[in-house]
Amino acid sequence: MDLNRVILIGRLTKEPEISYIKGDKETAVLRLTIACNGYKKMDGTVDTNYISCKAFGATAETSNS
């Protein structure tokens, strides 16, 4: 199975939030937003992109520590 991989470099906009979904077994969900510098505009200012991210399961638990 092929997966897409994205590497984002930026700053967290606030503390990541972890919660748990109850189902057959409890699953961790981590939500965070990263501020990444975008492109430089004609007037010289840099546009900032805000990317919302989610991680699930073991990835969420290890990313939160």
PDB file of N, CA and C in Angstrom:
ATOM      1  N   MET A   1       0.843  -1.167   0.000  1.00  0.00           N
ATOM      2  CA  MET A   1       0.000   0.000   0.000  1.00  0.00           C
ATOM      3  C   MET A   1       0.895   1.239   0.000  1.00  0.00           C
ATOM      4  N   ASP A   2       0.619   2.179  -0.878  1.00  0.00           N
ATOM      5  CA  ASP A   2       1.362   3.427  -0.952  1.00  0.00           C
ATOM      6  C   ASP A   2       0.700   4.483  -0.081  1.00  0.00           C
ATOM      7  N   LEU A   3       1.511   5.225   0.650  1.00  0.00           N
ATOM      8  CA  LEU A   3       1.026   6.327   1.465  1.00  0.00           C
ATOM      9  C   LEU A   3       1.718   7.603   1.020  1.00  0.00           C
ATOM     10  N   ASN A   4       1.016   8.703   1.148  1.00  0.00           N
ATOM     11  CA  ASN A   4       1.639   9.994   0.884  1.00  0.00           C
ATOM     12  C   ASN A   4       2.354  10.451   2.143  1.00  0.00           C
ATOM     13  N   ARG A   5       3.490  11.078   1.995  1.00  0.00           N
ATOM     14  CA  ARG A   5       4.248  11.576   3.129  1.00  0.00           C
ATOM     15  C   ARG A   5       4.457  13.076   2.932  1.00  0.00           C
ATOM     16  N   VAL A   6       4.184  13.823   3.993  1.00  0.00           N
ATOM     17  CA  VAL A   6       4.359  15.275   3.967  1.00  0.00           C
ATOM     18  C   VAL A   6       5.212  15.654   5.167  1.00  0.00           C
ATOM     19  N   ILE A   7       6.198  16.494   4.955  1.00  0.00           N
ATOM     20  CA  ILE A   7       7.018  17.000   6.046  1.00  0.00           C
ATOM     21  C   ILE A   7       6.745  18.499   6.157  1.00  0.00           C
ATOM     22  N   LEU A   8       6.221  18.901   7.305  1.00  0.00           N
ATOM     23  CA  LEU A   8       5.896  20.304   7.544  1.00  0.00           C
ATOM     24  C   LEU A   8       6.871  20.868   8.570  1.00  0.00           C
ATOM     25  N   ILE A   9       7.391  22.043   8.288  1.00  0.00           N
ATOM     26  CA  ILE A   9       8.274  22.726   9.220  1.00  0.00           C
ATOM     27  C   ILE A   9       7.596  24.034   9.593  1.00  0.00           C
ATOM     28  N   GLY A  10       7.361  24.206  10.886  1.00  0.00           N
ATOM     29  CA  GLY A  10       6.686  25.414  11.333  1.00  0.00           C
ATOM     30  C   GLY A  10       6.631  25.461  12.841  1.00  0.00           C
ATOM     31  N   ARG A  11       5.720  26.267  13.346  1.00  0.00           N
ATOM     32  CA  ARG A  11       5.564  26.437  14.783  1.00  0.00           C
ATOM     33  C   ARG A  11       4.153  26.043  15.189  1.00  0.00           C
ATOM     34  N   LEU A  12       4.048  25.460  16.392  1.00  0.00           N
ATOM     35  CA  LEU A  12       2.731  25.151  16.934  1.00  0.00           C
ATOM     36  C   LEU A  12       2.027  26.451  17.283  1.00  0.00           C
ATOM     37  N   THR A  13       0.745  26.543  16.973  1.00  0.00           N
ATOM     38  CA  THR A  13       0.003  27.757  17.302  1.00  0.00           C
ATOM     39  C   THR A  13      -0.496  27.738  18.736  1.00  0.00           C
ATOM     40  N   LYS A  14      -0.662  26.542  19.315  1.00  0.00           N
ATOM     41  CA  LYS A  14      -1.044  26.361  20.719  1.00  0.00           C
ATOM     42  C   LYS A  14      -0.713  24.929  21.116  1.00  0.00           C
ATOM     43  N   GLU A  15      -0.926  24.595  22.376  1.00  0.00           N
ATOM     44  CA  GLU A  15      -0.631  23.243  22.866  1.00  0.00           C
ATOM     45  C   GLU A  15      -1.490  22.215  22.110  1.00  0.00           C
ATOM     46  N   PRO A  16      -0.900  21.086  21.716  1.00  0.00           N
ATOM     47  CA  PRO A  16      -1.684  20.019  21.090  1.00  0.00           C
ATOM     48  C   PRO A  16      -2.738  19.487  22.064  1.00  0.00           C
ATOM     49  N   GLU A  17      -3.893  19.090  21.531  1.00  0.00           N
ATOM     50  CA  GLU A  17      -4.987  18.566  22.349  1.00  0.00           C
ATOM     51  C   GLU A  17      -5.154  17.084  22.062  1.00  0.00           C
ATOM     52  N   ILE A  18      -5.142  16.271  23.114  1.00  0.00           N
ATOM     53  CA  ILE A  18      -5.353  14.834  22.950  1.00  0.00           C
ATOM     54  C   ILE A  18      -6.686  14.464  23.583  1.00  0.00           C
ATOM     55  N   SER A  19      -7.429  13.617  22.888  1.00  0.00           N
ATOM     56  CA  SER A  19      -8.692  13.106  23.414  1.00  0.00           C
ATOM     57  C   SER A  19      -8.778  11.628  23.037  1.00  0.00           C
ATOM     58  N   TYR A  20      -9.781  10.971  23.548  1.00  0.00           N
ATOM     59  CA  TYR A  20      -9.934   9.537  23.294  1.00  0.00           C
ATOM     60  C   TYR A  20     -11.334   9.242  22.772  1.00  0.00           C
ATOM     61  N   ILE A  21     -11.405   8.431  21.734  1.00  0.00           N
ATOM     62  CA  ILE A  21     -12.670   7.999  21.143  1.00  0.00           C
ATOM     63  C   ILE A  21     -12.972   6.606  21.669  1.00  0.00           C
ATOM     64  N   LYS A  22     -14.171   6.420  22.159  1.00  0.00           N
ATOM     65  CA  LYS A  22     -14.560   5.104  22.653  1.00  0.00           C
ATOM     66  C   LYS A  22     -15.244   4.336  21.523  1.00  0.00           C
ATOM     67  N   GLY A  23     -14.841   3.117  21.343  1.00  0.00           N
ATOM     68  CA  GLY A  23     -15.409   2.228  20.340  1.00  0.00           C
ATOM     69  C   GLY A  23     -15.190   0.811  20.824  1.00  0.00           C
ATOM     70  N   ASP A  24     -14.794  -0.081  19.925  1.00  0.00           N
ATOM     71  CA  ASP A  24     -14.425  -1.434  20.342  1.00  0.00           C
ATOM     72  C   ASP A  24     -13.283  -1.362  21.350  1.00  0.00           C
ATOM     73  N   LYS A  25     -12.346  -0.475  21.092  1.00  0.00           N
ATOM     74  CA  LYS A  25     -11.289  -0.165  22.062  1.00  0.00           C
ATOM     75  C   LYS A  25     -11.044   1.338  21.996  1.00  0.00           C
ATOM     76  N   GLU A  26     -10.489   1.894  23.062  1.00  0.00           N
ATOM     77  CA  GLU A  26     -10.265   3.333  23.138  1.00  0.00           C
ATOM     78  C   GLU A  26      -9.123   3.736  22.208  1.00  0.00           C
ATOM     79  N   THR A  27      -9.346   4.768  21.401  1.00  0.00           N
ATOM     80  CA  THR A  27      -8.345   5.243  20.448  1.00  0.00           C
ATOM     81  C   THR A  27      -7.997   6.693  20.748  1.00  0.00           C
ATOM     82  N   ALA A  28      -6.715   7.002  20.804  1.00  0.00           N
ATOM     83  CA  ALA A  28      -6.249   8.368  21.041  1.00  0.00           C
ATOM     84  C   ALA A  28      -6.338   9.184  19.759  1.00  0.00           C
ATOM     85  N   VAL A  29      -6.722  10.461  19.906  1.00  0.00           N
ATOM     86  CA  VAL A  29      -6.763  11.399  18.786  1.00  0.00           C
ATOM     87  C   VAL A  29      -6.036  12.664  19.217  1.00  0.00           C
ATOM     88  N   LEU A  30      -5.020  13.068  18.457  1.00  0.00           N
ATOM     89  CA  LEU A  30      -4.249  14.266  18.749  1.00  0.00           C
ATOM     90  C   LEU A  30      -4.563  15.304  17.681  1.00  0.00           C
ATOM     91  N   ARG A  31      -4.917  16.519  18.116  1.00  0.00           N
ATOM     92  CA  ARG A  31      -5.208  17.611  17.187  1.00  0.00           C
ATOM     93  C   ARG A  31      -4.213  18.739  17.448  1.00  0.00           C
ATOM     94  N   LEU A  32      -3.648  19.281  16.357  1.00  0.00           N
ATOM     95  CA  LEU A  32      -2.735  20.404  16.484  1.00  0.00           C
ATOM     96  C   LEU A  32      -2.768  21.235  15.213  1.00  0.00           C
ATOM     97  N   THR A  33      -2.310  22.473  15.334  1.00  0.00           N
ATOM     98  CA  THR A  33      -2.229  23.369  14.185  1.00  0.00           C
ATOM     99  C   THR A  33      -0.799  23.900  14.093  1.00  0.00           C
ATOM    100  N   ILE A  34      -0.262  23.865  12.883  1.00  0.00           N
ATOM    101  CA  ILE A  34       1.100  24.329  12.632  1.00  0.00           C
ATOM    102  C   ILE A  34       1.036  25.569  11.737  1.00  0.00           C
ATOM    103  N   ALA A  35       1.799  26.603  12.110  1.00  0.00           N
ATOM    104  CA  ALA A  35       1.921  27.809  11.287  1.00  0.00           C
ATOM    105  C   ALA A  35       3.198  27.679  10.453  1.00  0.00           C
ATOM    106  N   CYS A  36       3.050  27.656   9.132  1.00  0.00           N
ATOM    107  CA  CYS A  36       4.183  27.518   8.214  1.00  0.00           C
ATOM    108  C   CYS A  36       4.282  28.771   7.351  1.00  0.00           C
ATOM    109  N   ASN A  37       5.505  29.255   7.169  1.00  0.00           N
ATOM    110  CA  ASN A  37       5.690  30.391   6.264  1.00  0.00           C
ATOM    111  C   ASN A  37       5.379  29.941   4.852  1.00  0.00           C
ATOM    112  N   GLY A  38       4.619  30.739   4.160  1.00  0.00           N
ATOM    113  CA  GLY A  38       4.247  30.425   2.792  1.00  0.00           C
ATOM    114  C   GLY A  38       5.139  31.142   1.813  1.00  0.00           C
ATOM    115  N   TYR A  39       4.535  31.726   0.827  1.00  0.00           N
ATOM    116  CA  TYR A  39       5.277  32.405  -0.230  1.00  0.00           C
ATOM    117  C   TYR A  39       5.436  33.891   0.090  1.00  0.00           C
ATOM    118  N   LYS A  40       6.399  34.502  -0.556  1.00  0.00           N
ATOM    119  CA  LYS A  40       6.633  35.935  -0.382  1.00  0.00           C
ATOM    120  C   LYS A  40       5.773  36.683  -1.405  1.00  0.00           C
ATOM    121  N   LYS A  41       5.006  37.649  -0.918  1.00  0.00           N
ATOM    122  CA  LYS A  41       4.133  38.439  -1.792  1.00  0.00           C
ATOM    123  C   LYS A  41       4.949  39.500  -2.532  1.00  0.00           C
ATOM    124  N   MET A  42       4.316  40.145  -3.495  1.00  0.00           N
ATOM    125  CA  MET A  42       4.977  41.184  -4.287  1.00  0.00           C
ATOM    126  C   MET A  42       5.453  42.352  -3.420  1.00  0.00           C
ATOM    127  N   ASP A  43       4.727  42.640  -2.311  1.00  0.00           N
ATOM    128  CA  ASP A  43       5.109  43.770  -1.453  1.00  0.00           C
ATOM    129  C   ASP A  43       6.190  43.382  -0.434  1.00  0.00           C
ATOM    130  N   GLY A  44       6.678  42.135  -0.473  1.00  0.00           N
ATOM    131  CA  GLY A  44       7.765  41.702   0.397  1.00  0.00           C
ATOM    132  C   GLY A  44       7.328  41.005   1.671  1.00  0.00           C
ATOM    133  N   THR A  45       6.035  41.025   1.982  1.00  0.00           N
ATOM    134  CA  THR A  45       5.553  40.340   3.171  1.00  0.00           C
ATOM    135  C   THR A  45       5.404  38.848   2.888  1.00  0.00           C
ATOM    136  N   VAL A  46       5.475  38.063   3.949  1.00  0.00           N
ATOM    137  CA  VAL A  46       5.363  36.608   3.803  1.00  0.00           C
ATOM    138  C   VAL A  46       3.987  36.174   4.295  1.00  0.00           C
ATOM    139  N   ASP A  47       3.305  35.395   3.500  1.00  0.00           N
ATOM    140  CA  ASP A  47       1.994  34.873   3.864  1.00  0.00           C
ATOM    141  C   ASP A  47       2.184  33.629   4.733  1.00  0.00           C
ATOM    142  N   THR A  48       1.407  33.493   5.814  1.00  0.00           N
ATOM    143  CA  THR A  48       1.504  32.340   6.706  1.00  0.00           C
ATOM    144  C   THR A  48       0.356  31.376   6.417  1.00  0.00           C
ATOM    145  N   ASN A  49       0.683  30.100   6.308  1.00  0.00           N
ATOM    146  CA  ASN A  49      -0.318  29.057   6.123  1.00  0.00           C
ATOM    147  C   ASN A  49      -0.517  28.341   7.453  1.00  0.00           C
ATOM    148  N   TYR A  50      -1.771  28.106   7.829  1.00  0.00           N
ATOM    149  CA  TYR A  50      -2.101  27.382   9.050  1.00  0.00           C
ATOM    150  C   TYR A  50      -2.633  26.012   8.650  1.00  0.00           C
ATOM    151  N   ILE A  51      -1.930  24.962   9.079  1.00  0.00           N
ATOM    152  CA  ILE A  51      -2.295  23.600   8.700  1.00  0.00           C
ATOM    153  C   ILE A  51      -2.798  22.860   9.924  1.00  0.00           C
ATOM    154  N   SER A  52      -4.048  22.363   9.852  1.00  0.00           N
ATOM    155  CA  SER A  52      -4.622  21.550  10.925  1.00  0.00           C
ATOM    156  C   SER A  52      -4.218  20.102  10.707  1.00  0.00           C
ATOM    157  N   CYS A  53      -3.769  19.445  11.785  1.00  0.00           N
ATOM    158  CA  CYS A  53      -3.300  18.062  11.694  1.00  0.00           C
ATOM    159  C   CYS A  53      -4.008  17.208  12.734  1.00  0.00           C
ATOM    160  N   LYS A  54      -4.180  15.931  12.407  1.00  0.00           N
ATOM    161  CA  LYS A  54      -4.718  14.946  13.342  1.00  0.00           C
ATOM    162  C   LYS A  54      -3.853  13.702  13.269  1.00  0.00           C
ATOM    163  N   ALA A  55      -3.645  13.088  14.431  1.00  0.00           N
ATOM    164  CA  ALA A  55      -2.931  11.811  14.502  1.00  0.00           C
ATOM    165  C   ALA A  55      -3.779  10.874  15.338  1.00  0.00           C
ATOM    166  N   PHE A  56      -3.705   9.585  15.051  1.00  0.00           N
ATOM    167  CA  PHE A  56      -4.550   8.608  15.722  1.00  0.00           C
ATOM    168  C   PHE A  56      -3.710   7.496  16.342  1.00  0.00           C
ATOM    169  N   GLY A  57      -4.249   6.877  17.387  1.00  0.00           N
ATOM    170  CA  GLY A  57      -3.658   5.694  17.994  1.00  0.00           C
ATOM    171  C   GLY A  57      -2.303   5.947  18.634  1.00  0.00           C
ATOM    172  N   ALA A  58      -1.380   5.013  18.400  1.00  0.00           N
ATOM    173  CA  ALA A  58      -0.050   5.101  19.001  1.00  0.00           C
ATOM    174  C   ALA A  58       0.707   6.331  18.512  1.00  0.00           C
ATOM    175  N   THR A  59       0.485   6.747  17.267  1.00  0.00           N
ATOM    176  CA  THR A  59       1.128   7.947  16.745  1.00  0.00           C
ATOM    177  C   THR A  59       0.709   9.161  17.553  1.00  0.00           C
ATOM    178  N   ALA A  60      -0.562   9.243  17.895  1.00  0.00           N
ATOM    179  CA  ALA A  60      -1.071  10.366  18.692  1.00  0.00           C
ATOM    180  C   ALA A  60      -0.451  10.376  20.086  1.00  0.00           C
ATOM    181  N   GLU A  61      -0.340   9.220  20.690  1.00  0.00           N
ATOM    182  CA  GLU A  61       0.186   9.146  22.059  1.00  0.00           C
ATOM    183  C   GLU A  61       1.680   9.462  22.098  1.00  0.00           C
ATOM    184  N   THR A  62       2.454   8.999  21.131  1.00  0.00           N
ATOM    185  CA  THR A  62       3.892   9.268  21.146  1.00  0.00           C
ATOM    186  C   THR A  62       4.190  10.695  20.687  1.00  0.00           C
ATOM    187  N   SER A  63       3.369  11.259  19.815  1.00  0.00           N
ATOM    188  CA  SER A  63       3.586  12.629  19.341  1.00  0.00           C
ATOM    189  C   SER A  63       3.270  13.639  20.417  1.00  0.00           C
ATOM    190  N   ASN A  64       2.437  13.287  21.367  1.00  0.00           N
ATOM    191  CA  ASN A  64       2.018  14.207  22.421  1.00  0.00           C
ATOM    192  C   ASN A  64       3.038  14.293  23.548  1.00  0.00           C
ATOM    193  N   SER A  65       3.996  13.365  23.648  1.00  0.00           N
ATOM    194  CA  SER A  65       4.942  13.391  24.762  1.00  0.00           C
ATOM    195  C   SER A  65       6.141  14.238  24.485  1.00  0.00           C
TER     196      SER A  65
END
